[in-house]
Amino acid sequence: MNTVIQRILGLAAPAFSDSGRPVNRVPVEQIRESLLALLHDCRDMRTQRLIYKVNVAKTPAELWLLRSDLHQCIAQTHSQSEAAERINSLIDVFEGWLPAGQLLRI
C-alpha cells in the first residue's frame, strides 16, 4: 500500500513514545470497538449518529476527537461522572497513536 495512503488511514502514523522505548499500539479497529462499547446502553438518535461517526472515522486521531460527543451521549443517559469515567478508560487504547500531552483525562 502506498505510504501516503497508509498515513491518511493512520496505518503508518509514527508511534509516539515519551520514553523512547517501542510502543505496542492497539489496532484501529479495536479502538473503534472500544468506543462503541462505551455506548452499549445509550439508545437515542444522537447515539445512532455518533455510532455512524465512529464507524466512518479513518484514524485514531479522528476517533480521539469524538470523545466530546461520546461524553454528551453517555452523560445524557447516565451522569457526567459516569461519562467521564467511561471516557477516561479509553486513554490506554490511544497510547502510541497520539502524543502523551494529548492523552488527558476529563
PDB file of N, CA and C in Angstrom:
ATOM      1  N   MET A   1       0.850  -1.172   0.000  1.00  0.00           N
ATOM      2  CA  MET A   1       0.000   0.000   0.000  1.00  0.00           C
ATOM      3  C   MET A   1       0.894   1.231   0.000  1.00  0.00           C
ATOM      4  N   ASN A   2       0.493   2.206  -0.729  1.00  0.00           N
ATOM      5  CA  ASN A   2       1.238   3.445  -0.839  1.00  0.00           C
ATOM      6  C   ASN A   2       1.390   4.092   0.542  1.00  0.00           C
ATOM      7  N   THR A   3       2.578   4.603   0.835  1.00  0.00           N
ATOM      8  CA  THR A   3       2.866   5.204   2.138  1.00  0.00           C
ATOM      9  C   THR A   3       1.941   6.381   2.438  1.00  0.00           C
ATOM     10  N   VAL A   4       1.620   7.190   1.450  1.00  0.00           N
ATOM     11  CA  VAL A   4       0.725   8.336   1.655  1.00  0.00           C
ATOM     12  C   VAL A   4      -0.654   7.845   2.078  1.00  0.00           C
ATOM     13  N   ILE A   5      -1.155   6.825   1.411  1.00  0.00           N
ATOM     14  CA  ILE A   5      -2.462   6.265   1.750  1.00  0.00           C
ATOM     15  C   ILE A   5      -2.419   5.657   3.150  1.00  0.00           C
ATOM     16  N   GLN A   6      -1.329   4.980   3.479  1.00  0.00           N
ATOM     17  CA  GLN A   6      -1.195   4.402   4.818  1.00  0.00           C
ATOM     18  C   GLN A   6      -1.229   5.485   5.888  1.00  0.00           C
ATOM     19  N   ARG A   7      -0.552   6.601   5.642  1.00  0.00           N
ATOM     20  CA  ARG A   7      -0.549   7.693   6.613  1.00  0.00           C
ATOM     21  C   ARG A   7      -1.945   8.297   6.761  1.00  0.00           C
ATOM     22  N   ILE A   8      -2.666   8.461   5.649  1.00  0.00           N
ATOM     23  CA  ILE A   8      -4.019   9.001   5.698  1.00  0.00           C
ATOM     24  C   ILE A   8      -4.918   8.095   6.527  1.00  0.00           C
ATOM     25  N   LEU A   9      -4.787   6.799   6.352  1.00  0.00           N
ATOM     26  CA  LEU A   9      -5.609   5.843   7.078  1.00  0.00           C
ATOM     27  C   LEU A   9      -5.100   5.587   8.485  1.00  0.00           C
ATOM     28  N   GLY A  10      -3.971   6.173   8.843  1.00  0.00           N
ATOM     29  CA  GLY A  10      -3.431   6.006  10.176  1.00  0.00           C
ATOM     30  C   GLY A  10      -2.682   4.706  10.360  1.00  0.00           C
ATOM     31  N   LEU A  11      -2.403   3.999   9.265  1.00  0.00           N
ATOM     32  CA  LEU A  11      -1.725   2.716   9.361  1.00  0.00           C
ATOM     33  C   LEU A  11      -0.220   2.867   9.489  1.00  0.00           C
ATOM     34  N   ALA A  12       0.305   3.980   9.003  1.00  0.00           N
ATOM     35  CA  ALA A  12       1.752   4.180   9.062  1.00  0.00           C
ATOM     36  C   ALA A  12       2.093   5.439   9.857  1.00  0.00           C
ATOM     37  N   ALA A  13       1.193   5.833  10.719  1.00  0.00           N
ATOM     38  CA  ALA A  13       1.446   7.016  11.544  1.00  0.00           C
ATOM     39  C   ALA A  13       2.603   6.729  12.482  1.00  0.00           C
ATOM     40  N   PRO A  14       3.420   7.729  12.758  1.00  0.00           N
ATOM     41  CA  PRO A  14       4.540   7.492  13.667  1.00  0.00           C
ATOM     42  C   PRO A  14       4.039   7.126  15.060  1.00  0.00           C
ATOM     43  N   ALA A  15       4.738   6.220  15.697  1.00  0.00           N
ATOM     44  CA  ALA A  15       4.383   5.844  17.064  1.00  0.00           C
ATOM     45  C   ALA A  15       4.940   6.897  18.005  1.00  0.00           C
ATOM     46  N   PHE A  16       4.124   7.326  18.952  1.00  0.00           N
ATOM     47  CA  PHE A  16       4.547   8.329  19.921  1.00  0.00           C
ATOM     48  C   PHE A  16       4.951   7.636  21.206  1.00  0.00           C
ATOM     49  N   SER A  17       6.153   7.935  21.662  1.00  0.00           N
ATOM     50  CA  SER A  17       6.637   7.365  22.907  1.00  0.00           C
ATOM     51  C   SER A  17       7.515   8.389  23.603  1.00  0.00           C
ATOM     52  N   ASP A  18       7.136   8.748  24.797  1.00  0.00           N
ATOM     53  CA  ASP A  18       7.934   9.714  25.558  1.00  0.00           C
ATOM     54  C   ASP A  18       9.201   9.079  26.113  1.00  0.00           C
ATOM     55  N   SER A  19       9.169   7.770  26.306  1.00  0.00           N
ATOM     56  CA  SER A  19      10.306   7.098  26.921  1.00  0.00           C
ATOM     57  C   SER A  19      11.354   6.640  25.909  1.00  0.00           C
ATOM     58  N   GLY A  20      11.015   6.675  24.633  1.00  0.00           N
ATOM     59  CA  GLY A  20      11.954   6.219  23.612  1.00  0.00           C
ATOM     60  C   GLY A  20      11.914   4.714  23.390  1.00  0.00           C
ATOM     61  N   ARG A  21      11.135   3.995  24.187  1.00  0.00           N
ATOM     62  CA  ARG A  21      11.030   2.544  24.005  1.00  0.00           C
ATOM     63  C   ARG A  21       9.953   2.234  22.981  1.00  0.00           C
ATOM     64  N   PRO A  22       9.979   1.046  22.376  1.00  0.00           N
ATOM     65  CA  PRO A  22       8.966   0.686  21.379  1.00  0.00           C
ATOM     66  C   PRO A  22       7.554   0.728  21.973  1.00  0.00           C
ATOM     67  N   VAL A  23       6.605   1.095  21.147  1.00  0.00           N
ATOM     68  CA  VAL A  23       5.219   1.217  21.579  1.00  0.00           C
ATOM     69  C   VAL A  23       4.388   0.155  20.874  1.00  0.00           C
ATOM     70  N   ASN A  24       3.616  -0.595  21.640  1.00  0.00           N
ATOM     71  CA  ASN A  24       2.671  -1.545  21.063  1.00  0.00           C
ATOM     72  C   ASN A  24       1.328  -0.849  20.955  1.00  0.00           C
ATOM     73  N   ARG A  25       0.954  -0.489  19.740  1.00  0.00           N
ATOM     74  CA  ARG A  25      -0.286   0.241  19.539  1.00  0.00           C
ATOM     75  C   ARG A  25      -1.452  -0.716  19.332  1.00  0.00           C
ATOM     76  N   VAL A  26      -2.599  -0.348  19.873  1.00  0.00           N
ATOM     77  CA  VAL A  26      -3.823  -1.097  19.683  1.00  0.00           C
ATOM     78  C   VAL A  26      -4.290  -0.861  18.244  1.00  0.00           C
ATOM     79  N   PRO A  27      -4.724  -1.902  17.529  1.00  0.00           N
ATOM     80  CA  PRO A  27      -5.214  -1.703  16.157  1.00  0.00           C
ATOM     81  C   PRO A  27      -6.412  -0.743  16.113  1.00  0.00           C
ATOM     82  N   VAL A  28      -6.540  -0.018  15.022  1.00  0.00           N
ATOM     83  CA  VAL A  28      -7.602   0.977  14.863  1.00  0.00           C
ATOM     84  C   VAL A  28      -8.976   0.347  15.073  1.00  0.00           C
ATOM     85  N   GLU A  29      -9.198  -0.841  14.545  1.00  0.00           N
ATOM     86  CA  GLU A  29     -10.499  -1.494  14.710  1.00  0.00           C
ATOM     87  C   GLU A  29     -10.803  -1.785  16.174  1.00  0.00           C
ATOM     88  N   GLN A  30      -9.803  -2.111  16.937  1.00  0.00           N
ATOM     89  CA  GLN A  30     -10.009  -2.358  18.366  1.00  0.00           C
ATOM     90  C   GLN A  30     -10.337  -1.055  19.101  1.00  0.00           C
ATOM     91  N   ILE A  31      -9.732   0.039  18.673  1.00  0.00           N
ATOM     92  CA  ILE A  31     -10.060   1.347  19.250  1.00  0.00           C
ATOM     93  C   ILE A  31     -11.520   1.666  18.947  1.00  0.00           C
ATOM     94  N   ARG A  32     -11.917   1.439  17.710  1.00  0.00           N
ATOM     95  CA  ARG A  32     -13.296   1.694  17.293  1.00  0.00           C
ATOM     96  C   ARG A  32     -14.274   0.878  18.156  1.00  0.00           C
ATOM     97  N   GLU A  33     -13.965  -0.403  18.348  1.00  0.00           N
ATOM     98  CA  GLU A  33     -14.816  -1.271  19.166  1.00  0.00           C
ATOM     99  C   GLU A  33     -14.873  -0.788  20.613  1.00  0.00           C
ATOM    100  N   SER A  34     -13.774  -0.267  21.118  1.00  0.00           N
ATOM    101  CA  SER A  34     -13.749   0.253  22.492  1.00  0.00           C
ATOM    102  C   SER A  34     -14.680   1.447  22.644  1.00  0.00           C
ATOM    103  N   LEU A  35     -14.678   2.330  21.653  1.00  0.00           N
ATOM    104  CA  LEU A  35     -15.570   3.485  21.693  1.00  0.00           C
ATOM    105  C   LEU A  35     -17.025   3.041  21.618  1.00  0.00           C
ATOM    106  N   LEU A  36     -17.321   2.129  20.713  1.00  0.00           N
ATOM    107  CA  LEU A  36     -18.697   1.655  20.563  1.00  0.00           C
ATOM    108  C   LEU A  36     -19.188   0.944  21.821  1.00  0.00           C
ATOM    109  N   ALA A  37     -18.291   0.242  22.497  1.00  0.00           N
ATOM    110  CA  ALA A  37     -18.677  -0.466  23.722  1.00  0.00           C
ATOM    111  C   ALA A  37     -19.131   0.504  24.813  1.00  0.00           C
ATOM    112  N   LEU A  38     -18.584   1.717  24.821  1.00  0.00           N
ATOM    113  CA  LEU A  38     -18.986   2.705  25.816  1.00  0.00           C
ATOM    114  C   LEU A  38     -20.437   3.143  25.638  1.00  0.00           C
ATOM    115  N   LEU A  39     -20.961   2.943  24.436  1.00  0.00           N
ATOM    116  CA  LEU A  39     -22.319   3.384  24.119  1.00  0.00           C
ATOM    117  C   LEU A  39     -23.334   2.251  24.196  1.00  0.00           C
ATOM    118  N   HIS A  40     -22.946   1.119  24.763  1.00  0.00           N
ATOM    119  CA  HIS A  40     -23.790  -0.077  24.730  1.00  0.00           C
ATOM    120  C   HIS A  40     -25.186   0.124  25.320  1.00  0.00           C
ATOM    121  N   ASP A  41     -25.346   1.030  26.246  1.00  0.00           N
ATOM    122  CA  ASP A  41     -26.648   1.227  26.871  1.00  0.00           C
ATOM    123  C   ASP A  41     -27.259   2.598  26.564  1.00  0.00           C
ATOM    124  N   CYS A  42     -26.760   3.244  25.533  1.00  0.00           N
ATOM    125  CA  CYS A  42     -27.301   4.532  25.078  1.00  0.00           C
ATOM    126  C   CYS A  42     -28.074   4.258  23.788  1.00  0.00           C
ATOM    127  N   ARG A  43     -29.325   4.706  23.718  1.00  0.00           N
ATOM    128  CA  ARG A  43     -30.176   4.282  22.604  1.00  0.00           C
ATOM    129  C   ARG A  43     -30.845   5.414  21.822  1.00  0.00           C
ATOM    130  N   ASP A  44     -30.555   6.666  22.100  1.00  0.00           N
ATOM    131  CA  ASP A  44     -31.274   7.744  21.422  1.00  0.00           C
ATOM    132  C   ASP A  44     -30.716   8.024  20.023  1.00  0.00           C
ATOM    133  N   MET A  45     -31.354   8.952  19.312  1.00  0.00           N
ATOM    134  CA  MET A  45     -30.965   9.285  17.935  1.00  0.00           C
ATOM    135  C   MET A  45     -29.560   9.886  17.886  1.00  0.00           C
ATOM    136  N   ARG A  46     -29.198  10.695  18.871  1.00  0.00           N
ATOM    137  CA  ARG A  46     -27.854  11.290  18.914  1.00  0.00           C
ATOM    138  C   ARG A  46     -26.803  10.171  18.946  1.00  0.00           C
ATOM    139  N   THR A  47     -27.077   9.126  19.723  1.00  0.00           N
ATOM    140  CA  THR A  47     -26.150   7.999  19.824  1.00  0.00           C
ATOM    141  C   THR A  47     -26.021   7.284  18.486  1.00  0.00           C
ATOM    142  N   GLN A  48     -27.127   7.137  17.770  1.00  0.00           N
ATOM    143  CA  GLN A  48     -27.076   6.481  16.462  1.00  0.00           C
ATOM    144  C   GLN A  48     -26.197   7.271  15.483  1.00  0.00           C
ATOM    145  N   ARG A  49     -26.308   8.592  15.530  1.00  0.00           N
ATOM    146  CA  ARG A  49     -25.447   9.427  14.671  1.00  0.00           C
ATOM    147  C   ARG A  49     -23.980   9.292  15.072  1.00  0.00           C
ATOM    148  N   LEU A  50     -23.737   9.216  16.376  1.00  0.00           N
ATOM    149  CA  LEU A  50     -22.369   9.065  16.862  1.00  0.00           C
ATOM    150  C   LEU A  50     -21.796   7.706  16.461  1.00  0.00           C
ATOM    151  N   ILE A  51     -22.589   6.676  16.533  1.00  0.00           N
ATOM    152  CA  ILE A  51     -22.135   5.346  16.111  1.00  0.00           C
ATOM    153  C   ILE A  51     -21.709   5.398  14.649  1.00  0.00           C
ATOM    154  N   TYR A  52     -22.465   6.103  13.832  1.00  0.00           N
ATOM    155  CA  TYR A  52     -22.089   6.263  12.429  1.00  0.00           C
ATOM    156  C   TYR A  52     -20.740   6.980  12.309  1.00  0.00           C
ATOM    157  N   LYS A  53     -20.559   8.064  13.072  1.00  0.00           N
ATOM    158  CA  LYS A  53     -19.292   8.808  13.029  1.00  0.00           C
ATOM    159  C   LYS A  53     -18.116   7.927  13.447  1.00  0.00           C
ATOM    160  N   VAL A  54     -18.313   7.120  14.465  1.00  0.00           N
ATOM    161  CA  VAL A  54     -17.252   6.214  14.920  1.00  0.00           C
ATOM    162  C   VAL A  54     -16.916   5.219  13.818  1.00  0.00           C
ATOM    163  N   ASN A  55     -17.932   4.704  13.153  1.00  0.00           N
ATOM    164  CA  ASN A  55     -17.710   3.704  12.110  1.00  0.00           C
ATOM    165  C   ASN A  55     -17.031   4.258  10.864  1.00  0.00           C
ATOM    166  N   VAL A  56     -17.214   5.542  10.573  1.00  0.00           N
ATOM    167  CA  VAL A  56     -16.591   6.114   9.371  1.00  0.00           C
ATOM    168  C   VAL A  56     -15.255   6.796   9.649  1.00  0.00           C
ATOM    169  N   ALA A  57     -14.910   6.986  10.901  1.00  0.00           N
ATOM    170  CA  ALA A  57     -13.611   7.592  11.237  1.00  0.00           C
ATOM    171  C   ALA A  57     -12.497   6.681  10.720  1.00  0.00           C
ATOM    172  N   LYS A  58     -11.487   7.282  10.141  1.00  0.00           N
ATOM    173  CA  LYS A  58     -10.426   6.508   9.499  1.00  0.00           C
ATOM    174  C   LYS A  58      -9.158   6.376  10.337  1.00  0.00           C
ATOM    175  N   THR A  59      -8.946   7.296  11.255  1.00  0.00           N
ATOM    176  CA  THR A  59      -7.690   7.291  12.002  1.00  0.00           C
ATOM    177  C   THR A  59      -7.959   7.351  13.507  1.00  0.00           C
ATOM    178  N   PRO A  60      -6.990   6.939  14.297  1.00  0.00           N
ATOM    179  CA  PRO A  60      -7.124   7.086  15.743  1.00  0.00           C
ATOM    180  C   PRO A  60      -7.328   8.547  16.156  1.00  0.00           C
ATOM    181  N   ALA A  61      -6.707   9.466  15.449  1.00  0.00           N
ATOM    182  CA  ALA A  61      -6.874  10.890  15.776  1.00  0.00           C
ATOM    183  C   ALA A  61      -8.324  11.323  15.576  1.00  0.00           C
ATOM    184  N   GLU A  62      -8.956  10.853  14.512  1.00  0.00           N
ATOM    185  CA  GLU A  62     -10.369  11.175  14.280  1.00  0.00           C
ATOM    186  C   GLU A  62     -11.238  10.566  15.383  1.00  0.00           C
ATOM    187  N   LEU A  63     -10.920   9.354  15.788  1.00  0.00           N
ATOM    188  CA  LEU A  63     -11.673   8.708  16.868  1.00  0.00           C
ATOM    189  C   LEU A  63     -11.489   9.458  18.183  1.00  0.00           C
ATOM    190  N   TRP A  64     -10.277   9.919  18.453  1.00  0.00           N
ATOM    191  CA  TRP A  64      -9.988  10.669  19.678  1.00  0.00           C
ATOM    192  C   TRP A  64     -10.834  11.938  19.734  1.00  0.00           C
ATOM    193  N   LEU A  65     -11.029  12.574  18.592  1.00  0.00           N
ATOM    194  CA  LEU A  65     -11.791  13.817  18.551  1.00  0.00           C
ATOM    195  C   LEU A  65     -13.282  13.604  18.816  1.00  0.00           C
ATOM    196  N   LEU A  66     -13.749  12.375  18.808  1.00  0.00           N
ATOM    197  CA  LEU A  66     -15.160  12.081  19.077  1.00  0.00           C
ATOM    198  C   LEU A  66     -15.459  11.941  20.573  1.00  0.00           C
ATOM    199  N   ARG A  67     -14.452  12.095  21.417  1.00  0.00           N
ATOM    200  CA  ARG A  67     -14.649  11.937  22.865  1.00  0.00           C
ATOM    201  C   ARG A  67     -15.714  12.879  23.420  1.00  0.00           C
ATOM    202  N   SER A  68     -15.755  14.092  22.959  1.00  0.00           N
ATOM    203  CA  SER A  68     -16.747  15.054  23.450  1.00  0.00           C
ATOM    204  C   SER A  68     -18.163  14.578  23.132  1.00  0.00           C
ATOM    205  N   ASP A  69     -18.360  14.090  21.919  1.00  0.00           N
ATOM    206  CA  ASP A  69     -19.667  13.563  21.528  1.00  0.00           C
ATOM    207  C   ASP A  69     -20.025  12.336  22.365  1.00  0.00           C
ATOM    208  N   LEU A  70     -19.042  11.476  22.611  1.00  0.00           N
ATOM    209  CA  LEU A  70     -19.269  10.309  23.460  1.00  0.00           C
ATOM    210  C   LEU A  70     -19.694  10.762  24.860  1.00  0.00           C
ATOM    211  N   HIS A  71     -18.996  11.734  25.378  1.00  0.00           N
ATOM    212  CA  HIS A  71     -19.290  12.242  26.717  1.00  0.00           C
ATOM    213  C   HIS A  71     -20.733  12.748  26.783  1.00  0.00           C
ATOM    214  N   GLN A  72     -21.165  13.505  25.783  1.00  0.00           N
ATOM    215  CA  GLN A  72     -22.520  14.044  25.784  1.00  0.00           C
ATOM    216  C   GLN A  72     -23.573  12.939  25.758  1.00  0.00           C
ATOM    217  N   CYS A  73     -23.371  11.935  24.927  1.00  0.00           N
ATOM    218  CA  CYS A  73     -24.336  10.832  24.829  1.00  0.00           C
ATOM    219  C   CYS A  73     -24.431  10.050  26.136  1.00  0.00           C
ATOM    220  N   ILE A  74     -23.301   9.749  26.712  1.00  0.00           N
ATOM    221  CA  ILE A  74     -23.288   8.971  27.953  1.00  0.00           C
ATOM    222  C   ILE A  74     -23.868   9.797  29.100  1.00  0.00           C
ATOM    223  N   ALA A  75     -23.502  11.058  29.185  1.00  0.00           N
ATOM    224  CA  ALA A  75     -23.999  11.925  30.261  1.00  0.00           C
ATOM    225  C   ALA A  75     -25.510  12.112  30.153  1.00  0.00           C
ATOM    226  N   GLN A  76     -26.019  12.164  28.946  1.00  0.00           N
ATOM    227  CA  GLN A  76     -27.458  12.328  28.752  1.00  0.00           C
ATOM    228  C   GLN A  76     -28.224  11.102  29.261  1.00  0.00           C
ATOM    229  N   THR A  77     -27.648   9.921  29.094  1.00  0.00           N
ATOM    230  CA  THR A  77     -28.292   8.688  29.542  1.00  0.00           C
ATOM    231  C   THR A  77     -28.019   8.424  31.018  1.00  0.00           C
ATOM    232  N   HIS A  78     -26.832   8.761  31.498  1.00  0.00           N
ATOM    233  CA  HIS A  78     -26.421   8.429  32.866  1.00  0.00           C
ATOM    234  C   HIS A  78     -26.123   9.706  33.644  1.00  0.00           C
ATOM    235  N   SER A  79     -24.860  10.039  33.789  1.00  0.00           N
ATOM    236  CA  SER A  79     -24.442  11.250  34.500  1.00  0.00           C
ATOM    237  C   SER A  79     -23.099  11.697  33.947  1.00  0.00           C
ATOM    238  N   GLN A  80     -22.707  12.914  34.290  1.00  0.00           N
ATOM    239  CA  GLN A  80     -21.415  13.414  33.822  1.00  0.00           C
ATOM    240  C   GLN A  80     -20.268  12.625  34.428  1.00  0.00           C
ATOM    241  N   SER A  81     -20.398  12.221  35.674  1.00  0.00           N
ATOM    242  CA  SER A  81     -19.315  11.461  36.302  1.00  0.00           C
ATOM    243  C   SER A  81     -19.175  10.078  35.647  1.00  0.00           C
ATOM    244  N   GLU A  82     -20.289   9.453  35.311  1.00  0.00           N
ATOM    245  CA  GLU A  82     -20.229   8.164  34.597  1.00  0.00           C
ATOM    246  C   GLU A  82     -19.597   8.349  33.223  1.00  0.00           C
ATOM    247  N   ALA A  83     -19.983   9.422  32.553  1.00  0.00           N
ATOM    248  CA  ALA A  83     -19.424   9.704  31.229  1.00  0.00           C
ATOM    249  C   ALA A  83     -17.917   9.928  31.315  1.00  0.00           C
ATOM    250  N   ALA A  84     -17.472  10.718  32.280  1.00  0.00           N
ATOM    251  CA  ALA A  84     -16.039  10.982  32.441  1.00  0.00           C
ATOM    252  C   ALA A  84     -15.283   9.698  32.748  1.00  0.00           C
ATOM    253  N   GLU A  85     -15.845   8.863  33.607  1.00  0.00           N
ATOM    254  CA  GLU A  85     -15.187   7.591  33.943  1.00  0.00           C
ATOM    255  C   GLU A  85     -15.028   6.706  32.711  1.00  0.00           C
ATOM    256  N   ARG A  86     -16.072   6.626  31.903  1.00  0.00           N
ATOM    257  CA  ARG A  86     -16.008   5.804  30.687  1.00  0.00           C
ATOM    258  C   ARG A  86     -15.005   6.371  29.683  1.00  0.00           C
ATOM    259  N   ILE A  87     -15.040   7.681  29.479  1.00  0.00           N
ATOM    260  CA  ILE A  87     -14.123   8.312  28.518  1.00  0.00           C
ATOM    261  C   ILE A  87     -12.678   8.148  28.977  1.00  0.00           C
ATOM    262  N   ASN A  88     -12.426   8.327  30.261  1.00  0.00           N
ATOM    263  CA  ASN A  88     -11.057   8.186  30.776  1.00  0.00           C
ATOM    264  C   ASN A  88     -10.533   6.760  30.633  1.00  0.00           C
ATOM    265  N   SER A  89     -11.422   5.795  30.573  1.00  0.00           N
ATOM    266  CA  SER A  89     -10.986   4.406  30.393  1.00  0.00           C
ATOM    267  C   SER A  89     -10.415   4.159  28.995  1.00  0.00           C
ATOM    268  N   LEU A  90     -10.589   5.097  28.087  1.00  0.00           N
ATOM    269  CA  LEU A  90     -10.101   4.958  26.712  1.00  0.00           C
ATOM    270  C   LEU A  90      -8.639   5.340  26.531  1.00  0.00           C
ATOM    271  N   ILE A  91      -8.076   6.043  27.471  1.00  0.00           N
ATOM    272  CA  ILE A  91      -6.736   6.600  27.280  1.00  0.00           C
ATOM    273  C   ILE A  91      -5.722   5.530  26.883  1.00  0.00           C
ATOM    274  N   ASP A  92      -5.773   4.379  27.504  1.00  0.00           N
ATOM    275  CA  ASP A  92      -4.801   3.321  27.205  1.00  0.00           C
ATOM    276  C   ASP A  92      -4.838   2.859  25.753  1.00  0.00           C
ATOM    277  N   VAL A  93      -6.026   2.810  25.143  1.00  0.00           N
ATOM    278  CA  VAL A  93      -6.106   2.313  23.767  1.00  0.00           C
ATOM    279  C   VAL A  93      -5.537   3.300  22.757  1.00  0.00           C
ATOM    280  N   PHE A  94      -5.386   4.554  23.151  1.00  0.00           N
ATOM    281  CA  PHE A  94      -4.831   5.557  22.247  1.00  0.00           C
ATOM    282  C   PHE A  94      -3.323   5.753  22.433  1.00  0.00           C
ATOM    283  N   GLU A  95      -2.721   5.106  23.431  1.00  0.00           N
ATOM    284  CA  GLU A  95      -1.288   5.274  23.655  1.00  0.00           C
ATOM    285  C   GLU A  95      -0.502   4.806  22.436  1.00  0.00           C
ATOM    286  N   GLY A  96       0.445   5.612  22.056  1.00  0.00           N
ATOM    287  CA  GLY A  96       1.266   5.315  20.893  1.00  0.00           C
ATOM    288  C   GLY A  96       0.726   5.931  19.610  1.00  0.00           C
ATOM    289  N   TRP A  97      -0.558   6.246  19.591  1.00  0.00           N
ATOM    290  CA  TRP A  97      -1.165   6.875  18.412  1.00  0.00           C
ATOM    291  C   TRP A  97      -1.118   8.394  18.505  1.00  0.00           C
ATOM    292  N   LEU A  98      -1.152   8.906  19.720  1.00  0.00           N
ATOM    293  CA  LEU A  98      -1.171  10.350  19.948  1.00  0.00           C
ATOM    294  C   LEU A  98      -0.085  10.731  20.935  1.00  0.00           C
ATOM    295  N   PRO A  99       0.429  11.944  20.878  1.00  0.00           N
ATOM    296  CA  PRO A  99       1.412  12.379  21.865  1.00  0.00           C
ATOM    297  C   PRO A  99       0.820  12.319  23.270  1.00  0.00           C
ATOM    298  N   ALA A 100       1.621  11.974  24.240  1.00  0.00           N
ATOM    299  CA  ALA A 100       1.169  11.833  25.624  1.00  0.00           C
ATOM    300  C   ALA A 100       0.499  13.109  26.131  1.00  0.00           C
ATOM    301  N   GLY A 101       0.935  14.252  25.650  1.00  0.00           N
ATOM    302  CA  GLY A 101       0.354  15.525  26.066  1.00  0.00           C
ATOM    303  C   GLY A 101      -1.107  15.685  25.665  1.00  0.00           C
ATOM    304  N   GLN A 102      -1.544  14.930  24.675  1.00  0.00           N
ATOM    305  CA  GLN A 102      -2.944  14.989  24.250  1.00  0.00           C
ATOM    306  C   GLN A 102      -3.808  13.978  25.005  1.00  0.00           C
ATOM    307  N   LEU A 103      -3.205  12.997  25.624  1.00  0.00           N
ATOM    308  CA  LEU A 103      -3.950  11.936  26.300  1.00  0.00           C
ATOM    309  C   LEU A 103      -4.320  12.355  27.724  1.00  0.00           C
ATOM    310  N   LEU A 104      -5.159  13.369  27.798  1.00  0.00           N
ATOM    311  CA  LEU A 104      -5.542  13.934  29.087  1.00  0.00           C
ATOM    312  C   LEU A 104      -6.868  13.375  29.544  1.00  0.00           C
ATOM    313  N   ARG A 105      -6.981  13.217  30.858  1.00  0.00           N
ATOM    314  CA  ARG A 105      -8.233  12.747  31.460  1.00  0.00           C
ATOM    315  C   ARG A 105      -9.229  13.894  31.527  1.00  0.00           C
ATOM    316  N   ILE A 106     -10.490  13.549  31.525  1.00  0.00           N
ATOM    317  CA  ILE A 106     -11.549  14.547  31.630  1.00  0.00           C
ATOM    318  C   ILE A 106     -11.752  14.882  33.094  1.00  0.00           C
TER     319      ILE A 106
END
